[in-house]
Amino acid sequence: MKLVRAVETLRSGGVIAYPTEAVYGLGCDPWRESALARLARLKRRPLAKGLILIGAHWRQLAPFVRPDWLEWLEGRLGTVPRMSDPPVTWLVPARSTVPAGVTGRRFGAAARVAVRVTAHPIAASLCREFGGAIVSTSANTAAAPPARRALDARLRLGRGLDLVVPGPTGGHLRPSTIRDAGSGRTLRS
């Protein structure tokens, strides 16, 4: 039932917190500029840093990723990672239609987007029920430690959150590694 409410909240422009592979994520509909702005205010972080998007499979990320790079991701990485695999987010060229608040400028040119297929069952179910990719940034304010429990997310972000989806994180100790798909360079480990 929480997933139904979470999807309704996303579709109405809300901001939610939900469990991911390592920490609680903060999410919204990546196509809604007003939701992106709310999320950035809540985190006290500029949108120029960009945001990570997650999907239940690569096709959910297709509207954001240049087609040639989507083929590369699918061909190189396959379908869905296992929960035991350390999560990896890939920085790839973005389609020109991707909102600027998603691409940001943190890792270089604004024409790139950070994407990951999530192995976390709740996060993946949320994407499937929503019918597309969602934003996935750590549920915390800038420079504060990320929330690892639903209660932590609620306490740290308070009334700015529209909904917290309960559940355990995936047990990984660190948020996803971020790798540049073009150069292979690790940007965050």
Protein backbone atom coordinates (compact mmCIF):
# COMPACT_ATOMS: atom_id res chain seq x y z
CA MET A 1 0.00 0.00 0.00
CA LYS A 2 2.90 2.37 0.72
CA LEU A 3 4.12 1.93 -2.88
CA VAL A 4 0.75 3.02 -4.24
CA ARG A 5 0.87 6.15 -2.09
CA ALA A 6 4.50 6.74 -3.07
CA VAL A 7 3.66 6.55 -6.78
CA GLU A 8 0.71 8.91 -6.31
CA THR A 9 3.00 11.30 -4.45
CA LEU A 10 5.62 11.19 -7.22
CA ARG A 11 3.00 11.75 -9.91
CA SER A 12 1.60 14.77 -8.06
CA GLY A 13 5.03 16.43 -7.84
CA GLY A 14 5.92 15.28 -4.34
CA VAL A 15 9.23 14.34 -2.76
CA ILE A 16 9.68 10.96 -1.08
CA ALA A 17 12.35 9.04 0.81
CA TYR A 18 12.84 5.32 0.15
CA PRO A 19 15.42 2.58 0.81
CA THR A 20 18.17 1.87 -1.73
CA GLU A 21 21.19 -0.43 -1.83
CA ALA A 22 23.14 1.46 0.87
CA VAL A 23 21.19 4.44 2.21
CA TYR A 24 17.77 6.03 2.07
CA GLY A 25 17.23 7.87 -1.17
CA LEU A 26 15.38 11.08 -1.78
CA GLY A 27 13.31 11.01 -4.93
CA CYS A 28 10.91 12.80 -7.20
CA ASP A 29 9.71 12.75 -10.80
CA PRO A 30 12.74 13.87 -12.84
CA TRP A 31 10.53 15.58 -15.45
CA ARG A 32 8.90 17.92 -12.92
CA GLU A 33 11.01 21.06 -12.54
CA SER A 34 9.05 22.14 -9.46
CA ALA A 35 9.74 18.78 -7.76
CA LEU A 36 13.45 19.04 -8.61
CA ALA A 37 13.55 22.52 -7.08
CA ARG A 38 11.78 21.31 -3.91
CA LEU A 39 14.19 18.41 -3.59
CA ALA A 40 17.19 20.74 -3.97
CA ARG A 41 15.82 23.13 -1.32
CA LEU A 42 15.19 20.21 1.02
CA LYS A 43 18.76 18.99 0.61
CA ARG A 44 20.12 22.56 0.73
CA ARG A 45 22.12 21.75 -2.37
CA PRO A 46 22.24 23.51 -5.75
CA LEU A 47 20.74 21.71 -8.73
CA ALA A 48 23.93 22.55 -10.62
CA LYS A 49 25.46 19.49 -8.96
CA GLY A 50 23.12 17.21 -10.89
CA LEU A 51 21.15 14.22 -9.68
CA ILE A 52 21.25 10.46 -10.09
CA LEU A 53 18.36 8.65 -11.74
CA ILE A 54 17.44 5.03 -11.08
CA GLY A 55 15.26 2.59 -12.97
CA ALA A 56 14.14 -1.00 -12.60
CA HIS A 57 15.78 -1.72 -15.98
CA TRP A 58 17.73 0.19 -18.63
CA ARG A 59 14.65 0.87 -20.78
CA GLN A 60 13.22 3.05 -17.99
CA LEU A 61 16.31 5.24 -18.34
CA ALA A 62 16.01 5.46 -22.16
CA PRO A 63 14.26 8.88 -22.18
CA PHE A 64 17.32 10.38 -20.47
CA VAL A 65 20.25 8.60 -22.15
CA ARG A 66 21.45 9.15 -25.71
CA PRO A 67 20.40 6.03 -27.70
CA ASP A 68 23.95 4.99 -28.64
CA TRP A 69 24.95 5.05 -24.98
CA LEU A 70 21.82 3.18 -23.91
CA GLU A 71 22.90 0.37 -26.24
CA TRP A 72 26.38 0.48 -24.68
CA LEU A 73 24.92 0.25 -21.14
CA GLU A 74 22.62 -2.63 -22.03
CA GLY A 75 25.32 -4.47 -23.96
CA ARG A 76 28.03 -4.02 -21.37
CA LEU A 77 26.04 -4.33 -18.18
CA GLY A 78 23.15 -6.60 -19.13
CA THR A 79 19.84 -6.38 -17.39
CA VAL A 80 19.47 -6.10 -13.61
CA PRO A 81 22.36 -6.34 -11.14
CA ARG A 82 22.21 -8.67 -8.14
CA MET A 83 21.63 -7.20 -4.70
CA SER A 84 25.04 -8.50 -3.62
CA ASP A 85 26.77 -6.48 -6.38
CA PRO A 86 28.13 -3.11 -5.24
CA PRO A 87 25.89 -0.44 -6.83
CA VAL A 88 27.46 1.46 -9.73
CA THR A 89 26.05 4.65 -11.25
CA TRP A 90 27.17 5.51 -14.79
CA LEU A 91 27.69 9.02 -16.12
CA VAL A 92 26.68 9.00 -19.79
CA PRO A 93 25.71 11.52 -22.50
CA ALA A 94 22.18 12.80 -21.95
CA ARG A 95 19.44 13.47 -24.46
CA SER A 96 18.93 17.16 -25.15
CA THR A 97 15.46 17.03 -23.54
CA VAL A 98 16.72 16.12 -20.04
CA PRO A 99 15.95 18.88 -17.52
CA ALA A 100 19.00 20.94 -16.50
CA GLY A 101 18.29 20.16 -12.85
CA VAL A 102 18.97 16.48 -13.56
CA THR A 103 22.17 16.88 -15.57
CA GLY A 104 23.81 19.60 -13.48
CA ARG A 105 27.44 20.44 -13.95
CA ARG A 106 29.13 18.53 -11.15
CA PHE A 107 30.99 16.02 -13.33
CA GLY A 108 31.72 18.24 -16.31
CA ALA A 109 29.50 19.08 -19.25
CA ALA A 110 25.83 19.66 -18.50
CA ALA A 111 24.93 17.25 -21.30
CA ARG A 112 25.58 14.14 -19.18
CA VAL A 113 23.31 12.23 -16.85
CA ALA A 114 24.06 9.83 -13.97
CA VAL A 115 22.00 6.61 -14.20
CA ARG A 116 21.77 3.26 -12.42
CA VAL A 117 19.58 0.18 -12.59
CA THR A 118 18.75 -0.54 -8.98
CA ALA A 119 18.93 -4.01 -7.49
CA HIS A 120 17.03 -2.95 -4.37
CA PRO A 121 13.61 -4.66 -4.45
CA ILE A 122 11.65 -1.74 -2.98
CA ALA A 123 13.36 0.91 -5.14
CA ALA A 124 12.94 -1.26 -8.25
CA SER A 125 9.26 -1.89 -7.45
CA LEU A 126 8.77 1.83 -6.97
CA CYS A 127 10.23 2.49 -10.45
CA ARG A 128 8.13 -0.27 -12.01
CA GLU A 129 4.91 1.02 -10.41
CA PHE A 130 5.77 4.62 -11.31
CA GLY A 131 6.46 3.49 -14.87
CA GLY A 132 9.83 5.14 -15.27
CA ALA A 133 13.01 6.43 -13.73
CA ILE A 134 13.02 8.47 -10.53
CA VAL A 135 15.58 10.72 -8.87
CA SER A 136 17.81 8.98 -6.33
CA THR A 137 19.98 11.21 -4.17
CA SER A 138 20.89 10.50 -0.57
CA ALA A 139 18.25 11.47 1.99
CA ASN A 140 20.16 14.11 3.91
CA THR A 141 21.02 17.78 3.80
CA ALA A 142 24.28 18.79 2.15
CA ALA A 143 27.35 17.61 4.11
CA ALA A 144 25.25 15.65 6.66
CA PRO A 145 25.52 11.86 6.83
CA PRO A 146 22.94 10.01 4.72
CA ALA A 147 19.94 8.39 6.39
CA ARG A 148 20.12 4.62 6.70
CA ARG A 149 16.67 4.11 8.23
CA ALA A 150 13.20 5.48 7.56
CA LEU A 151 13.17 7.24 10.93
CA ASP A 152 16.52 8.92 10.18
CA ALA A 153 15.14 10.26 6.89
CA ARG A 154 12.05 11.64 8.62
CA LEU A 155 14.06 13.21 11.45
CA ARG A 156 16.69 14.76 9.15
CA LEU A 157 14.36 16.09 6.48
CA GLY A 158 11.18 16.63 8.48
CA ARG A 159 8.08 18.14 7.02
CA GLY A 160 9.71 18.80 3.67
CA LEU A 161 9.14 15.14 2.83
CA ASP A 162 5.74 14.16 1.53
CA LEU A 163 6.19 10.45 2.27
CA VAL A 164 8.73 7.99 3.63
CA VAL A 165 8.58 4.45 2.21
CA PRO A 166 9.65 2.07 4.99
CA GLY A 167 12.00 -0.84 4.52
CA PRO A 168 15.58 -1.96 5.02
CA THR A 169 18.43 -0.70 2.89
CA GLY A 170 20.41 -3.28 0.92
CA GLY A 171 23.25 -3.51 3.42
CA HIS A 172 26.01 -1.93 1.32
CA LEU A 173 28.21 0.33 3.42
CA ARG A 174 28.77 3.03 0.82
CA PRO A 175 26.49 4.79 -1.66
CA SER A 176 26.95 3.85 -5.31
CA THR A 177 30.27 4.23 -7.05
CA ILE A 178 29.99 6.77 -9.88
CA ARG A 179 31.93 5.97 -13.06
CA ASP A 180 32.30 7.96 -16.24
CA ALA A 181 31.22 5.56 -19.01
CA GLY A 182 33.29 7.40 -21.63
CA SER A 183 36.63 7.40 -19.84
CA GLY A 184 36.08 4.60 -17.35
CA ARG A 185 37.30 6.95 -14.62
CA THR A 186 35.84 6.56 -11.13
CA LEU A 187 34.36 9.86 -9.96
CA ARG A 188 33.12 8.64 -6.57
CA SER A 189 34.02 5.40 -4.82
